[in-house]
Amino acid sequence: GKCVPVAVCELCLPRASSLDFGKTAQVYEARSNKPTLVFVHGAGGTRLMFDTHCEALRQRGFRCVAIDLPGHGARYEEDLTVASAVECVVSETAAHVPPGQRAVVVGASLGGYVAIEALGARPDVFAKAVVADAGQAVGTDAGCQAR
């Protein structure tokens, strides 16, 4: 079958989703000396992608912050570029991570690439990056290039 894009009315999107469009990050509080984990979703995802992970980690003492990238979730009207994604991750981290603490940025797929860029751009904000499901090639025919 052919993939057909589905158009969603911008007025309907907030009503058709369980996502709280009034905020751009979800914080899972935990009191411990463990580092804060900042989660960055993949293309087409939202911060809800990591809800189960963050809840399980919160129960183990990790404070977690899951964010929406530009062009996704509550930021669906914002333009997505590498620069805007990195700025988003840095600003959300600054807003939700205790002062003086360097976070661990965790990214999946597109979020993995953004995590690498954020760590490289701001080692003062991020101590480490955990990258999952981010291939070695991106863009048109990336799968063929990777083979």
Protein backbone atom coordinates (compact mmCIF):
# COMPACT_ATOMS: atom_id res chain seq x y z
CA GLY A 1 0.00 0.00 0.00
CA LYS A 2 0.90 3.59 -0.51
CA CYS A 3 1.57 5.84 2.48
CA VAL A 4 -0.92 8.69 2.50
CA PRO A 5 -0.26 11.63 4.82
CA VAL A 6 -3.10 12.48 7.16
CA ALA A 7 -3.91 16.15 7.52
CA VAL A 8 -5.05 17.30 10.95
CA CYS A 9 -6.75 20.62 11.46
CA GLU A 10 -4.61 22.80 13.73
CA LEU A 11 -7.74 23.68 15.72
CA CYS A 12 -8.59 20.00 16.16
CA LEU A 13 -5.13 18.67 17.03
CA PRO A 14 -5.16 19.80 20.66
CA ARG A 15 -8.62 18.26 21.11
CA ALA A 16 -7.71 14.98 19.37
CA SER A 17 -4.71 14.25 21.60
CA SER A 18 -4.25 13.26 25.23
CA LEU A 19 -1.25 15.61 25.31
CA ASP A 20 -1.53 18.66 27.57
CA PHE A 21 -0.89 21.45 25.06
CA GLY A 22 -0.52 23.94 27.90
CA LYS A 23 3.01 22.79 28.69
CA THR A 24 6.06 21.77 26.67
CA ALA A 25 7.70 19.47 29.22
CA GLN A 26 6.67 16.82 31.72
CA VAL A 27 8.64 16.63 34.96
CA TYR A 28 8.76 13.43 37.01
CA GLU A 29 9.97 14.48 40.46
CA ALA A 30 12.21 12.34 42.64
CA ARG A 31 14.33 13.28 45.62
CA SER A 32 17.81 11.89 45.42
CA ASN A 33 21.33 12.85 44.48
CA LYS A 34 21.03 11.02 41.17
CA PRO A 35 21.40 13.08 38.00
CA THR A 36 18.37 14.46 36.20
CA LEU A 37 17.59 12.65 32.96
CA VAL A 38 16.27 14.80 30.08
CA PHE A 39 14.39 12.77 27.45
CA VAL A 40 14.18 13.82 23.78
CA HIS A 41 11.74 11.97 21.51
CA GLY A 42 12.09 10.93 17.88
CA ALA A 43 10.51 12.41 14.75
CA GLY A 44 6.73 12.42 14.90
CA GLY A 45 6.74 11.76 18.65
CA THR A 46 6.02 13.82 21.73
CA ARG A 47 7.18 13.87 25.33
CA LEU A 48 4.58 11.19 26.08
CA MET A 49 6.81 8.67 24.26
CA PHE A 50 8.85 8.30 27.45
CA ASP A 51 6.04 8.38 30.02
CA THR A 52 6.41 4.74 31.11
CA HIS A 53 10.21 4.97 31.19
CA CYS A 54 10.21 8.18 33.21
CA GLU A 55 7.70 6.86 35.71
CA ALA A 56 9.74 3.69 36.28
CA LEU A 57 12.95 5.70 36.65
CA ARG A 58 11.24 8.18 39.00
CA GLN A 59 10.31 5.24 41.25
CA ARG A 60 14.02 4.36 41.34
CA GLY A 61 15.03 7.86 42.43
CA PHE A 62 15.77 9.55 39.11
CA ARG A 63 14.27 12.95 38.37
CA CYS A 64 13.19 12.94 34.71
CA VAL A 65 12.17 15.67 32.29
CA ALA A 66 10.55 14.73 28.97
CA ILE A 67 10.28 17.55 26.44
CA ASP A 68 8.55 18.31 23.14
CA LEU A 69 10.83 19.29 20.27
CA PRO A 70 9.86 22.13 17.92
CA GLY A 71 7.37 20.92 15.31
CA HIS A 72 6.06 18.26 17.73
CA GLY A 73 3.54 18.01 20.55
CA ALA A 74 2.76 21.31 22.24
CA ARG A 75 5.40 22.95 20.01
CA TYR A 76 3.76 21.78 16.77
CA GLU A 77 3.61 25.32 15.37
CA GLU A 78 7.35 25.95 15.84
CA ASP A 79 9.88 25.36 13.07
CA LEU A 80 12.22 22.42 13.58
CA THR A 81 15.90 22.93 12.76
CA VAL A 82 18.97 21.50 14.44
CA ALA A 83 19.58 24.90 16.06
CA SER A 84 15.97 25.24 17.29
CA ALA A 85 15.99 21.68 18.64
CA VAL A 86 19.24 22.19 20.55
CA GLU A 87 18.03 25.53 21.91
CA CYS A 88 14.79 23.87 23.00
CA VAL A 89 16.64 21.08 24.85
CA VAL A 90 19.03 23.54 26.49
CA SER A 91 16.29 25.98 27.57
CA GLU A 92 13.98 23.24 28.91
CA THR A 93 16.92 21.73 30.79
CA ALA A 94 17.79 25.10 32.31
CA ALA A 95 14.16 25.58 33.34
CA HIS A 96 13.75 22.19 34.98
CA VAL A 97 17.15 21.03 36.25
CA PRO A 98 18.46 22.31 39.59
CA PRO A 99 21.13 25.04 39.26
CA GLY A 100 24.66 23.72 39.12
CA GLN A 101 23.60 20.21 38.12
CA ARG A 102 24.60 18.83 34.72
CA ALA A 103 21.90 16.61 33.24
CA VAL A 104 22.10 13.40 31.26
CA VAL A 105 20.33 13.89 27.93
CA VAL A 106 18.61 10.77 26.58
CA GLY A 107 17.49 10.74 22.96
CA ALA A 108 15.83 8.25 20.65
CA SER A 109 16.14 8.43 16.85
CA LEU A 110 15.92 12.14 15.94
CA GLY A 111 16.20 12.84 19.66
CA GLY A 112 19.50 10.95 19.69
CA TYR A 113 20.99 13.24 17.07
CA VAL A 114 19.71 16.26 19.00
CA ALA A 115 21.18 14.84 22.23
CA ILE A 116 24.62 14.52 20.59
CA GLU A 117 24.41 18.09 19.27
CA ALA A 118 23.25 19.43 22.64
CA LEU A 119 26.06 17.68 24.55
CA GLY A 120 28.62 18.99 22.07
CA ALA A 121 27.25 22.53 22.16
CA ARG A 122 26.73 22.77 25.93
CA PRO A 123 28.98 20.49 27.99
CA ASP A 124 28.35 22.90 30.86
CA VAL A 125 24.66 21.84 30.86
CA PHE A 126 24.96 18.15 29.97
CA ALA A 127 27.30 15.59 31.57
CA LYS A 128 26.53 12.71 29.21
CA ALA A 129 24.28 11.63 26.37
CA VAL A 130 22.49 8.32 25.96
CA VAL A 131 21.57 7.68 22.32
CA ALA A 132 19.18 4.97 21.12
CA ASP A 133 18.04 3.99 17.64
CA ALA A 134 19.98 6.69 15.81
CA GLY A 135 21.48 5.26 12.63
CA GLN A 136 24.71 6.28 10.99
CA ALA A 137 23.02 7.89 7.98
CA VAL A 138 20.01 10.23 7.77
CA GLY A 139 17.95 11.74 5.00
CA THR A 140 16.63 10.44 1.70
CA ASP A 141 17.76 6.84 1.02
CA ALA A 142 19.54 6.70 4.39
CA GLY A 143 18.67 3.03 4.79
CA CYS A 144 20.32 2.18 1.48
CA GLN A 145 23.41 4.23 2.34
CA ALA A 146 23.77 2.47 5.71
CA ARG A 147 23.87 -0.95 4.07
